[in-house]
C-alpha atoms as a PDB file:
ATOM      1  CA  MET A   1      21.486  10.227  -5.527  1.00  0.00           C
ATOM      2  CA  SER A   2      19.715  13.658  -4.908  1.00  0.00           C
ATOM      3  CA  GLY A   3      16.022  13.991  -5.198  1.00  0.00           C
ATOM      4  CA  ASP A   4      13.730  16.082  -7.524  1.00  0.00           C
ATOM      5  CA  MET A   5      11.349  16.898  -4.980  1.00  0.00           C
ATOM      6  CA  GLU A   6      11.178  17.870  -1.297  1.00  0.00           C
ATOM      7  CA  LEU A   7       8.540  16.697   1.289  1.00  0.00           C
ATOM      8  CA  TYR A   8       8.065  17.355   4.891  1.00  0.00           C
ATOM      9  CA  ASP A   9       7.597  14.592   7.421  1.00  0.00           C
ATOM     10  CA  LEU A  10       4.521  15.524   9.666  1.00  0.00           C
ATOM     11  CA  ARG A  11       3.467  15.079  13.238  1.00  0.00           C
ATOM     12  CA  VAL A  12      -0.250  15.188  14.130  1.00  0.00           C
ATOM     13  CA  THR A  13      -0.619  15.864  17.850  1.00  0.00           C
ATOM     14  CA  VAL A  14      -3.739  15.937  19.922  1.00  0.00           C
ATOM     15  CA  ASP A  15      -3.567  19.764  20.897  1.00  0.00           C
ATOM     16  CA  SER A  16      -6.734  20.056  23.229  1.00  0.00           C
ATOM     17  CA  ILE A  17      -9.845  18.130  24.161  1.00  0.00           C
ATOM     18  CA  ALA A  18     -12.555  20.432  25.510  1.00  0.00           C
ATOM     19  CA  GLY A  19     -15.314  17.792  25.926  1.00  0.00           C
ATOM     20  CA  ARG A  20     -15.701  14.239  26.704  1.00  0.00           C
ATOM     21  CA  PRO A  21     -12.630  12.312  25.778  1.00  0.00           C
ATOM     22  CA  VAL A  22     -14.414   9.071  24.592  1.00  0.00           C
ATOM     23  CA  CYS A  23     -11.762   7.803  22.042  1.00  0.00           C
ATOM     24  CA  GLY A  24      -9.089   7.191  24.640  1.00  0.00           C
ATOM     25  CA  LEU A  25      -6.868   9.851  23.183  1.00  0.00           C
ATOM     26  CA  SER A  26      -5.039  12.408  25.528  1.00  0.00           C
ATOM     27  CA  VAL A  27      -3.547  15.760  24.935  1.00  0.00           C
ATOM     28  CA  GLY A  28       0.049  15.115  23.528  1.00  0.00           C
ATOM     29  CA  ASP A  29      -0.874  11.830  21.882  1.00  0.00           C
ATOM     30  CA  TYR A  30       0.514  11.685  18.277  1.00  0.00           C
ATOM     31  CA  VAL A  31       0.799   9.899  14.954  1.00  0.00           C
ATOM     32  CA  GLU A  32       3.784  10.605  12.402  1.00  0.00           C
ATOM     33  CA  LEU A  33       3.795  10.721   8.584  1.00  0.00           C
ATOM     34  CA  THR A  34       7.288   9.963   7.384  1.00  0.00           C
ATOM     35  CA  ASN A  35       8.938   9.004   3.965  1.00  0.00           C
ATOM     36  CA  SER A  36       5.961  10.355   2.088  1.00  0.00           C
ATOM     37  CA  SER A  37       3.366   7.688   3.146  1.00  0.00           C
ATOM     38  CA  GLN A  38       4.285   5.904   6.188  1.00  0.00           C
ATOM     39  CA  LEU A  39       2.219   6.237   9.317  1.00  0.00           C
ATOM     40  CA  ARG A  40       4.027   5.634  12.672  1.00  0.00           C
ATOM     41  CA  LEU A  41       2.695   5.394  16.265  1.00  0.00           C
ATOM     42  CA  PRO A  42       4.985   5.635  19.246  1.00  0.00           C
ATOM     43  CA  PRO A  43       5.423   2.287  20.955  1.00  0.00           C
ATOM     44  CA  GLY A  44       2.176   1.340  22.723  1.00  0.00           C
ATOM     45  CA  GLY A  45       0.339   4.269  21.154  1.00  0.00           C
ATOM     46  CA  HIS A  46      -2.966   4.475  19.341  1.00  0.00           C
ATOM     47  CA  PHE A  47      -4.947   7.026  17.340  1.00  0.00           C
ATOM     48  CA  CYS A  48      -8.608   7.125  16.659  1.00  0.00           C
ATOM     49  CA  ILE A  49      -9.619   6.276  13.177  1.00  0.00           C
ATOM     50  CA  TYR A  50     -12.154   9.014  12.959  1.00  0.00           C
ATOM     51  CA  ALA A  51      -9.916  11.742  14.111  1.00  0.00           C
ATOM     52  CA  LEU A  52      -7.295  10.304  11.698  1.00  0.00           C
ATOM     53  CA  ALA A  53      -9.909  10.359   8.896  1.00  0.00           C
ATOM     54  CA  ALA A  54     -10.408  14.066   9.552  1.00  0.00           C
ATOM     55  CA  VAL A  55      -6.988  15.001   9.135  1.00  0.00           C
ATOM     56  CA  LEU A  56      -5.708  12.718   6.230  1.00  0.00           C
ATOM     57  CA  PRO A  57      -7.181  14.858   3.363  1.00  0.00           C
ATOM     58  CA  LEU A  58      -4.831  17.712   4.460  1.00  0.00           C
ATOM     59  CA  LEU A  59      -1.722  15.815   4.972  1.00  0.00           C
ATOM     60  CA  PRO A  60      -0.544  15.493   1.273  1.00  0.00           C
ATOM     61  CA  ALA A  61      -0.754  19.449   1.094  1.00  0.00           C
ATOM     62  CA  LYS A  62       0.946  20.142   4.402  1.00  0.00           C
ATOM     63  CA  GLN A  63       3.947  17.714   3.071  1.00  0.00           C
ATOM     64  CA  ARG A  64       4.588  20.489   0.480  1.00  0.00           C
ATOM     65  CA  ARG A  65       5.733  23.970   0.611  1.00  0.00           C
ATOM     66  CA  LEU A  66       2.819  26.280  -0.272  1.00  0.00           C
ATOM     67  CA  PRO A  67       2.685  29.844  -1.064  1.00  0.00           C
ATOM     68  CA  ASP A  68       2.633  32.174   1.996  1.00  0.00           C
ATOM     69  CA  SER A  69      -0.741  33.393   0.995  1.00  0.00           C
ATOM     70  CA  ASP A  70      -2.149  29.815   0.942  1.00  0.00           C
ATOM     71  CA  TRP A  71      -4.477  29.332   3.945  1.00  0.00           C
ATOM     72  CA  LEU A  72      -3.045  25.872   4.430  1.00  0.00           C
ATOM     73  CA  GLU A  73       0.342  27.130   4.650  1.00  0.00           C
ATOM     74  CA  ARG A  74      -0.730  29.194   7.806  1.00  0.00           C
ATOM     75  CA  ASP A  75      -3.123  27.008   9.402  1.00  0.00           C
ATOM     76  CA  SER A  76      -2.377  23.882  11.279  1.00  0.00           C
ATOM     77  CA  LEU A  77      -5.332  22.878  13.348  1.00  0.00           C
ATOM     78  CA  VAL A  78      -7.984  20.308  12.637  1.00  0.00           C
ATOM     79  CA  ALA A  79     -11.025  19.353  14.488  1.00  0.00           C
ATOM     80  CA  CYS A  80     -12.228  15.851  15.218  1.00  0.00           C
ATOM     81  CA  PRO A  81     -15.611  15.265  13.687  1.00  0.00           C
ATOM     82  CA  ASP A  82     -17.093  14.106  17.210  1.00  0.00           C
ATOM     83  CA  PRO A  83     -19.100  17.296  18.451  1.00  0.00           C
ATOM     84  CA  GLU A  84     -19.095  16.103  22.095  1.00  0.00           C
ATOM     85  CA  GLU A  85     -15.399  15.428  22.311  1.00  0.00           C
ATOM     86  CA  ARG A  86     -14.280  18.788  20.783  1.00  0.00           C
ATOM     87  CA  LEU A  87     -10.742  17.340  20.146  1.00  0.00           C
ATOM     88  CA  ILE A  88      -8.392  19.562  18.193  1.00  0.00           C
ATOM     89  CA  MET A  89      -5.314  18.293  16.374  1.00  0.00           C
ATOM     90  CA  ARG A  90      -2.217  20.301  15.321  1.00  0.00           C
ATOM     91  CA  ILE A  91      -0.170  19.421  12.177  1.00  0.00           C
ATOM     92  CA  THR A  92       3.473  20.141  12.616  1.00  0.00           C
ATOM     93  CA  ARG A  93       6.287  19.825   9.916  1.00  0.00           C
ATOM     94  CA  THR A  94       9.106  17.932  11.640  1.00  0.00           C
ATOM     95  CA  ALA A  95      11.842  17.340   8.946  1.00  0.00           C
ATOM     96  CA  ARG A  96      12.142  18.026   5.141  1.00  0.00           C
ATOM     97  CA  ARG A  97      13.330  15.145   2.826  1.00  0.00           C
ATOM     98  CA  SER A  98      14.794  15.245  -0.590  1.00  0.00           C
ATOM     99  CA  MET A  99      13.146  12.412  -2.622  1.00  0.00           C
ATOM    100  CA  ARG A 100      12.917  11.075  -6.022  1.00  0.00           C
ATOM    101  CA  SER A 101       9.398  11.180  -7.584  1.00  0.00           C
ATOM    102  CA  SER A 102      10.156   8.093  -9.577  1.00  0.00           C
ATOM    103  CA  ASP A 103      10.660   6.179  -6.281  1.00  0.00           C
ATOM    104  CA  LEU A 104       7.064   7.173  -5.163  1.00  0.00           C
ATOM    105  CA  THR A 105       4.990   6.699  -8.357  1.00  0.00           C
END
């Protein structure tokens, strides 16, 4: 059965670390958001909860196609709140899924 809406799967990747890497993340580490609400880590991976907290509010908007003029459609970088770490994450759309909203609410 086809869906009545489309959502993107997302990957949040550590893009750069310009300060002290105290949380144990390295450039290239990632977490994925799939099937609307499922967070997945690679086997044996981890992701800092404070970095994740910084990016979580943006993910529902990045799951949807936004107008080209919307800043969130163009921007994909998010900073971790730790000022000494200076960790930057990149949100990337990885796949588009057709979903039924009745299955999600």
